[in-house]
N, C-alpha and C. Protein backbone atom coordinates (compact mmCIF):
# COMPACT_ATOMS: atom_id res chain seq x y z
N UNK A 1 -18.30 -10.52 32.30
CA UNK A 1 -17.69 -11.41 31.32
C UNK A 1 -16.23 -11.01 31.12
N UNK A 2 -15.36 -11.98 31.06
CA UNK A 2 -13.94 -11.71 30.88
C UNK A 2 -13.64 -11.40 29.43
N UNK A 3 -12.83 -10.38 29.21
CA UNK A 3 -12.40 -10.05 27.86
C UNK A 3 -11.29 -10.98 27.42
N UNK A 4 -11.05 -11.00 26.10
CA UNK A 4 -10.02 -11.88 25.55
C UNK A 4 -8.63 -11.55 26.10
N UNK A 5 -8.33 -10.25 26.29
CA UNK A 5 -7.02 -9.87 26.83
C UNK A 5 -6.83 -10.39 28.25
N UNK A 6 -7.86 -10.35 29.07
CA UNK A 6 -7.77 -10.85 30.44
C UNK A 6 -7.51 -12.36 30.43
N UNK A 7 -8.22 -13.07 29.56
CA UNK A 7 -8.05 -14.52 29.46
C UNK A 7 -6.63 -14.86 29.00
N UNK A 8 -6.11 -14.14 27.99
CA UNK A 8 -4.74 -14.39 27.52
C UNK A 8 -3.73 -14.12 28.62
N UNK A 9 -3.94 -13.05 29.38
CA UNK A 9 -3.02 -12.74 30.49
C UNK A 9 -3.05 -13.84 31.53
N UNK A 10 -4.22 -14.38 31.82
CA UNK A 10 -4.34 -15.45 32.79
C UNK A 10 -3.62 -16.71 32.30
N UNK A 11 -3.77 -17.06 31.04
CA UNK A 11 -3.09 -18.23 30.48
C UNK A 11 -1.58 -18.03 30.55
N UNK A 12 -1.08 -16.83 30.21
CA UNK A 12 0.35 -16.54 30.29
C UNK A 12 0.84 -16.71 31.72
N UNK A 13 0.09 -16.21 32.68
CA UNK A 13 0.47 -16.30 34.09
C UNK A 13 0.60 -17.75 34.53
N UNK A 14 -0.35 -18.58 34.16
CA UNK A 14 -0.31 -20.00 34.53
C UNK A 14 0.89 -20.67 33.90
N UNK A 15 1.16 -20.40 32.62
CA UNK A 15 2.31 -20.97 31.94
C UNK A 15 3.60 -20.52 32.59
N UNK A 16 3.67 -19.24 32.94
CA UNK A 16 4.85 -18.69 33.59
C UNK A 16 5.12 -19.40 34.91
N UNK A 17 4.10 -19.64 35.70
CA UNK A 17 4.26 -20.29 37.01
C UNK A 17 4.77 -21.71 36.88
N UNK A 18 4.30 -22.45 35.89
CA UNK A 18 4.69 -23.85 35.72
C UNK A 18 6.15 -23.96 35.31
N UNK A 19 6.69 -22.97 34.62
CA UNK A 19 8.05 -23.03 34.09
C UNK A 19 9.09 -22.58 35.10
N UNK A 20 8.75 -22.49 36.36
CA UNK A 20 9.69 -22.06 37.39
C UNK A 20 9.92 -23.21 38.37
N UNK A 21 11.18 -23.45 38.69
CA UNK A 21 11.47 -24.41 39.75
C UNK A 21 10.99 -23.84 41.08
N UNK A 22 10.36 -24.68 41.88
CA UNK A 22 9.93 -24.24 43.20
C UNK A 22 10.29 -25.33 44.20
N UNK A 23 10.59 -24.89 45.41
CA UNK A 23 11.00 -25.84 46.45
C UNK A 23 9.79 -26.55 47.03
N UNK A 24 9.91 -27.85 47.18
CA UNK A 24 8.87 -28.62 47.85
C UNK A 24 9.13 -28.57 49.35
N UNK A 25 8.08 -28.43 50.10
CA UNK A 25 8.23 -28.43 51.55
C UNK A 25 7.95 -29.83 52.07
N UNK A 26 8.31 -30.07 53.30
CA UNK A 26 8.05 -31.33 53.97
C UNK A 26 8.74 -32.52 53.30
N UNK A 27 9.98 -32.33 52.91
CA UNK A 27 10.77 -33.44 52.37
C UNK A 27 11.34 -34.21 53.56
N UNK A 28 11.07 -35.50 53.59
CA UNK A 28 11.55 -36.31 54.69
C UNK A 28 13.07 -36.41 54.65
N UNK A 29 13.69 -36.11 55.78
CA UNK A 29 15.13 -36.24 55.91
C UNK A 29 15.41 -37.58 56.59
N UNK A 30 16.45 -38.26 56.13
CA UNK A 30 16.79 -39.57 56.68
C UNK A 30 17.96 -39.44 57.65
N UNK A 31 17.78 -39.97 58.84
CA UNK A 31 18.82 -39.89 59.87
C UNK A 31 20.11 -40.52 59.35
N UNK A 32 21.21 -39.82 59.58
CA UNK A 32 22.52 -40.32 59.16
C UNK A 32 22.87 -39.98 57.71
N UNK A 33 21.94 -39.37 56.97
CA UNK A 33 22.20 -38.98 55.58
C UNK A 33 22.27 -37.45 55.50
N UNK A 34 22.94 -36.94 54.47
CA UNK A 34 23.01 -35.49 54.32
C UNK A 34 21.62 -34.87 54.14
N UNK A 35 21.49 -33.61 54.55
CA UNK A 35 20.25 -32.88 54.32
C UNK A 35 20.02 -32.77 52.82
N UNK A 36 18.75 -32.84 52.41
CA UNK A 36 18.44 -32.69 51.00
C UNK A 36 17.26 -31.75 50.84
N UNK A 37 17.26 -31.09 49.69
CA UNK A 37 16.13 -30.24 49.30
C UNK A 37 15.68 -30.69 47.92
N UNK A 38 14.38 -30.53 47.68
CA UNK A 38 13.80 -30.99 46.43
C UNK A 38 13.06 -29.84 45.78
N UNK A 39 13.31 -29.65 44.49
CA UNK A 39 12.67 -28.59 43.71
C UNK A 39 12.03 -29.23 42.48
N UNK A 40 10.94 -28.63 42.00
CA UNK A 40 10.29 -29.21 40.81
C UNK A 40 9.69 -28.12 39.95
N UNK A 41 9.55 -28.46 38.68
CA UNK A 41 8.79 -27.69 37.70
C UNK A 41 8.14 -28.72 36.80
N UNK A 42 7.47 -28.26 35.78
CA UNK A 42 6.86 -29.20 34.85
C UNK A 42 7.93 -30.02 34.12
N UNK A 43 9.09 -29.44 33.90
CA UNK A 43 10.15 -30.09 33.11
C UNK A 43 11.24 -30.74 33.97
N UNK A 44 11.54 -30.15 35.13
CA UNK A 44 12.65 -30.60 35.97
C UNK A 44 12.19 -31.11 37.33
N UNK A 45 12.97 -32.04 37.88
CA UNK A 45 13.04 -32.33 39.32
C UNK A 45 14.50 -32.13 39.68
N UNK A 46 14.75 -31.44 40.78
CA UNK A 46 16.11 -31.22 41.24
C UNK A 46 16.18 -31.59 42.71
N UNK A 47 17.07 -32.52 43.02
CA UNK A 47 17.32 -32.90 44.41
C UNK A 47 18.76 -32.49 44.70
N UNK A 48 18.96 -31.74 45.79
CA UNK A 48 20.28 -31.25 46.15
C UNK A 48 20.61 -31.73 47.56
N UNK A 49 21.82 -32.30 47.72
CA UNK A 49 22.29 -32.75 49.02
C UNK A 49 23.32 -31.76 49.54
N UNK A 50 23.24 -31.48 50.86
CA UNK A 50 24.10 -30.49 51.50
C UNK A 50 24.89 -31.12 52.64
N UNK A 51 26.12 -30.64 52.82
CA UNK A 51 26.94 -31.06 53.96
C UNK A 51 26.43 -30.36 55.22
N UNK A 52 27.00 -30.73 56.36
CA UNK A 52 26.63 -30.08 57.62
C UNK A 52 26.97 -28.60 57.61
N UNK A 53 27.93 -28.20 56.77
CA UNK A 53 28.29 -26.78 56.66
C UNK A 53 27.54 -26.08 55.53
N UNK A 54 26.47 -26.73 55.03
CA UNK A 54 25.58 -26.18 53.99
C UNK A 54 26.22 -26.04 52.61
N UNK A 55 27.28 -26.80 52.35
CA UNK A 55 27.88 -26.84 51.02
C UNK A 55 27.19 -27.93 50.20
N UNK A 56 27.04 -27.70 48.90
CA UNK A 56 26.44 -28.71 48.03
C UNK A 56 27.43 -29.85 47.85
N UNK A 57 26.99 -31.07 48.15
CA UNK A 57 27.85 -32.24 47.98
C UNK A 57 27.32 -33.18 46.91
N UNK A 58 26.17 -32.86 46.34
CA UNK A 58 25.63 -33.66 45.26
C UNK A 58 24.29 -33.12 44.80
N UNK A 59 23.93 -33.49 43.58
CA UNK A 59 22.60 -33.16 43.07
C UNK A 59 22.20 -34.17 42.01
N UNK A 60 20.91 -34.27 41.80
CA UNK A 60 20.37 -35.05 40.69
C UNK A 60 19.35 -34.16 40.00
N UNK A 61 19.59 -33.91 38.73
CA UNK A 61 18.70 -33.10 37.91
C UNK A 61 18.00 -34.01 36.92
N UNK A 62 16.71 -34.24 37.16
CA UNK A 62 15.90 -35.02 36.24
C UNK A 62 15.23 -34.03 35.29
N UNK A 63 15.20 -34.37 34.01
CA UNK A 63 14.66 -33.43 33.03
C UNK A 63 13.82 -34.16 31.99
N UNK A 64 13.00 -33.38 31.28
CA UNK A 64 12.07 -33.91 30.27
C UNK A 64 11.18 -34.98 30.90
N UNK A 65 10.64 -34.64 32.07
CA UNK A 65 9.90 -35.59 32.91
C UNK A 65 8.69 -36.21 32.22
N UNK A 66 8.03 -35.50 31.36
CA UNK A 66 6.77 -35.99 30.79
C UNK A 66 6.92 -36.70 29.46
N UNK A 67 8.14 -36.77 28.91
CA UNK A 67 8.31 -37.41 27.61
C UNK A 67 9.35 -38.52 27.64
N UNK A 68 10.58 -38.15 27.92
CA UNK A 68 11.69 -39.10 27.87
C UNK A 68 12.64 -38.77 29.02
N UNK A 69 12.19 -39.03 30.23
CA UNK A 69 12.91 -38.55 31.42
C UNK A 69 14.32 -39.13 31.50
N UNK A 70 15.25 -38.22 31.81
CA UNK A 70 16.64 -38.59 32.03
C UNK A 70 17.13 -37.88 33.27
N UNK A 71 18.29 -38.31 33.79
CA UNK A 71 18.80 -37.75 35.03
C UNK A 71 20.31 -37.56 34.93
N UNK A 72 20.75 -36.35 35.29
CA UNK A 72 22.18 -36.07 35.44
C UNK A 72 22.44 -36.02 36.94
N UNK A 73 23.40 -36.81 37.38
CA UNK A 73 23.74 -36.87 38.80
C UNK A 73 25.20 -36.44 38.96
N UNK A 74 25.44 -35.61 39.98
CA UNK A 74 26.80 -35.19 40.32
C UNK A 74 27.00 -35.40 41.81
N UNK A 75 28.17 -35.99 42.16
CA UNK A 75 28.57 -36.16 43.56
C UNK A 75 29.98 -35.62 43.71
N UNK A 76 30.20 -34.86 44.78
CA UNK A 76 31.53 -34.28 45.03
C UNK A 76 32.55 -35.41 45.17
N UNK A 77 33.78 -35.24 44.70
CA UNK A 77 34.23 -34.00 44.09
C UNK A 77 33.98 -33.92 42.59
N UNK A 78 34.03 -35.04 41.84
CA UNK A 78 33.92 -34.94 40.38
C UNK A 78 33.19 -36.12 39.75
N UNK A 79 32.29 -36.76 40.44
CA UNK A 79 31.65 -37.97 39.91
C UNK A 79 30.32 -37.62 39.24
N UNK A 80 30.22 -37.92 37.96
CA UNK A 80 29.02 -37.67 37.18
C UNK A 80 28.43 -38.98 36.67
N UNK A 81 27.12 -38.96 36.45
CA UNK A 81 26.47 -40.04 35.70
C UNK A 81 25.27 -39.44 34.97
N UNK A 82 24.94 -40.07 33.85
CA UNK A 82 23.79 -39.63 33.06
C UNK A 82 22.98 -40.87 32.71
N UNK A 83 21.69 -40.85 33.03
CA UNK A 83 20.84 -42.02 32.85
C UNK A 83 19.48 -41.66 32.26
N UNK A 84 18.87 -42.65 31.69
CA UNK A 84 17.46 -42.58 31.30
C UNK A 84 16.67 -43.16 32.47
N UNK A 85 15.51 -42.58 32.75
CA UNK A 85 14.66 -43.09 33.82
C UNK A 85 13.64 -44.03 33.20
N UNK A 86 13.74 -45.31 33.56
CA UNK A 86 12.74 -46.30 33.16
C UNK A 86 11.67 -46.26 34.24
N UNK A 87 10.49 -45.76 33.89
CA UNK A 87 9.45 -45.54 34.90
C UNK A 87 8.78 -46.81 35.38
N UNK A 88 9.12 -47.95 34.80
CA UNK A 88 8.57 -49.23 35.26
C UNK A 88 7.17 -49.52 34.77
N UNK A 89 6.64 -48.69 33.88
CA UNK A 89 5.26 -48.87 33.40
C UNK A 89 5.07 -50.20 32.68
N UNK A 90 6.10 -50.73 32.06
CA UNK A 90 5.96 -51.95 31.27
C UNK A 90 6.70 -53.11 31.94
N UNK A 91 6.41 -53.32 33.21
CA UNK A 91 7.04 -54.38 33.97
C UNK A 91 6.60 -55.75 33.49
N UNK A 92 7.26 -56.77 34.00
CA UNK A 92 6.93 -58.14 33.60
C UNK A 92 5.56 -58.53 34.12
N UNK A 93 4.91 -59.39 33.42
CA UNK A 93 3.58 -59.93 33.78
C UNK A 93 2.53 -58.82 33.88
N UNK A 94 2.77 -57.68 33.22
CA UNK A 94 1.78 -56.62 33.19
C UNK A 94 1.71 -55.75 34.43
N UNK A 95 2.62 -55.96 35.40
CA UNK A 95 2.63 -55.17 36.62
C UNK A 95 3.64 -54.04 36.51
N UNK A 96 3.31 -52.92 37.12
CA UNK A 96 4.24 -51.78 37.14
C UNK A 96 5.39 -52.10 38.09
N UNK A 97 6.60 -51.85 37.62
CA UNK A 97 7.80 -52.02 38.44
C UNK A 97 8.22 -50.69 39.02
N UNK A 98 9.17 -50.73 39.93
CA UNK A 98 9.74 -49.49 40.47
C UNK A 98 10.58 -48.81 39.40
N UNK A 99 10.61 -47.47 39.38
CA UNK A 99 11.48 -46.78 38.43
C UNK A 99 12.95 -47.10 38.69
N UNK A 100 13.73 -47.22 37.62
CA UNK A 100 15.17 -47.49 37.73
C UNK A 100 15.90 -46.60 36.73
N UNK A 101 17.18 -46.36 37.01
CA UNK A 101 18.03 -45.60 36.11
C UNK A 101 18.77 -46.56 35.19
N UNK A 102 18.80 -46.26 33.88
CA UNK A 102 19.50 -47.08 32.91
C UNK A 102 20.44 -46.18 32.11
N UNK A 103 21.56 -46.75 31.67
CA UNK A 103 22.55 -45.96 30.92
C UNK A 103 21.89 -45.26 29.74
N UNK A 104 22.34 -44.04 29.47
CA UNK A 104 21.78 -43.26 28.37
C UNK A 104 22.92 -42.62 27.59
N UNK A 105 22.61 -42.06 26.47
CA UNK A 105 23.61 -41.51 25.57
C UNK A 105 23.98 -40.07 25.87
N UNK A 106 24.03 -39.28 24.85
CA UNK A 106 24.52 -37.91 24.89
C UNK A 106 23.65 -37.02 25.76
N UNK A 107 24.30 -36.21 26.58
CA UNK A 107 23.63 -35.21 27.41
C UNK A 107 23.76 -33.87 26.70
N UNK A 108 22.64 -33.28 26.34
CA UNK A 108 22.62 -31.99 25.64
C UNK A 108 22.77 -30.86 26.65
N UNK A 109 23.99 -30.69 27.14
CA UNK A 109 24.22 -29.79 28.27
C UNK A 109 23.90 -28.33 27.97
N UNK A 110 24.15 -27.85 26.77
CA UNK A 110 23.86 -26.45 26.45
C UNK A 110 22.37 -26.14 26.55
N UNK A 111 21.57 -26.99 25.97
CA UNK A 111 20.11 -26.81 26.01
C UNK A 111 19.57 -26.92 27.44
N UNK A 112 20.01 -27.94 28.16
CA UNK A 112 19.53 -28.16 29.53
C UNK A 112 20.02 -27.04 30.45
N UNK A 113 21.28 -26.63 30.30
CA UNK A 113 21.83 -25.56 31.15
C UNK A 113 21.06 -24.26 30.97
N UNK A 114 20.73 -23.92 29.73
CA UNK A 114 19.98 -22.69 29.47
C UNK A 114 18.59 -22.72 30.09
N UNK A 115 17.91 -23.83 29.91
CA UNK A 115 16.57 -23.95 30.49
C UNK A 115 16.63 -23.97 32.02
N UNK A 116 17.65 -24.61 32.57
CA UNK A 116 17.81 -24.66 34.02
C UNK A 116 17.97 -23.25 34.61
N UNK A 117 18.81 -22.44 33.99
CA UNK A 117 19.01 -21.06 34.47
C UNK A 117 17.69 -20.30 34.41
N UNK A 118 16.95 -20.46 33.33
CA UNK A 118 15.67 -19.77 33.18
C UNK A 118 14.68 -20.19 34.26
N UNK A 119 14.54 -21.49 34.48
CA UNK A 119 13.54 -21.98 35.43
C UNK A 119 13.98 -21.83 36.89
N UNK A 120 15.28 -21.64 37.12
CA UNK A 120 15.78 -21.51 38.48
C UNK A 120 16.01 -20.08 38.94
N UNK A 121 15.59 -19.12 38.15
CA UNK A 121 15.93 -17.72 38.44
C UNK A 121 15.34 -17.18 39.74
N UNK A 122 14.34 -17.83 40.31
CA UNK A 122 13.74 -17.37 41.56
C UNK A 122 14.36 -18.05 42.78
N UNK A 123 15.25 -19.00 42.57
CA UNK A 123 15.87 -19.73 43.69
C UNK A 123 17.19 -19.08 44.08
N UNK A 124 17.83 -19.63 45.11
CA UNK A 124 19.10 -19.12 45.59
C UNK A 124 20.12 -19.04 44.45
N UNK A 125 20.62 -17.85 44.17
CA UNK A 125 21.50 -17.62 43.03
C UNK A 125 22.80 -18.42 43.14
N UNK A 126 23.39 -18.50 44.32
CA UNK A 126 24.64 -19.26 44.47
C UNK A 126 24.43 -20.73 44.15
N UNK A 127 23.32 -21.30 44.61
CA UNK A 127 23.03 -22.71 44.34
C UNK A 127 22.83 -22.93 42.85
N UNK A 128 22.02 -22.08 42.23
CA UNK A 128 21.73 -22.24 40.80
C UNK A 128 23.02 -22.06 39.98
N UNK A 129 23.82 -21.07 40.31
CA UNK A 129 25.08 -20.86 39.58
C UNK A 129 26.03 -22.04 39.73
N UNK A 130 26.11 -22.60 40.94
CA UNK A 130 26.98 -23.76 41.18
C UNK A 130 26.53 -24.95 40.33
N UNK A 131 25.23 -25.25 40.35
CA UNK A 131 24.71 -26.40 39.59
C UNK A 131 24.84 -26.14 38.09
N UNK A 132 24.57 -24.93 37.66
CA UNK A 132 24.72 -24.57 36.24
C UNK A 132 26.16 -24.83 35.78
N UNK A 133 27.12 -24.41 36.59
CA UNK A 133 28.54 -24.64 36.27
C UNK A 133 28.83 -26.13 36.15
N UNK A 134 28.30 -26.92 37.08
CA UNK A 134 28.53 -28.38 37.04
C UNK A 134 27.88 -29.01 35.81
N UNK A 135 26.71 -28.51 35.42
CA UNK A 135 26.06 -29.02 34.20
C UNK A 135 26.98 -28.79 33.00
N UNK A 136 27.53 -27.58 32.90
CA UNK A 136 28.39 -27.25 31.76
C UNK A 136 29.73 -27.99 31.78
N UNK A 137 30.18 -28.42 32.97
CA UNK A 137 31.43 -29.15 33.08
C UNK A 137 31.31 -30.63 32.70
N UNK A 138 30.08 -31.13 32.61
CA UNK A 138 29.89 -32.55 32.29
C UNK A 138 30.49 -32.85 30.92
N UNK A 139 31.19 -33.95 30.84
CA UNK A 139 31.80 -34.40 29.58
C UNK A 139 31.14 -35.68 29.10
N UNK A 140 30.51 -35.64 27.92
CA UNK A 140 29.96 -36.86 27.32
C UNK A 140 31.09 -37.81 26.97
N UNK A 141 30.88 -39.07 27.24
CA UNK A 141 31.91 -40.08 26.96
C UNK A 141 31.55 -40.84 25.71
């Protein structure tokens, strides 16, 4: 029989694993488009595009996936956008539509940047630091 301490340790371990960004394997690459990598956690989806010389040329960070999903997108050299993700659940005539991005308000960059650093600590440090810097550089309009 498992003791209460063992059970609590197991629950902590599961929670710890979910709160980490991890790379998805087998992401389909599209001919003629930049290479991309996809990472996910319970809270984030991160898609990163790379040049032929392996430099980051863009990313999309989707966050708060299970409640009020939004997306911060950056494309080199300085193009940002911030959107709410409409999941299409309430499409016309009762049918589910495809998800679309819609304009959204204030981006809470301090909160998101902190959580991103925490959940990305097991990934490539240069990539995480670069994206973290770009998150903090975003200016709400």
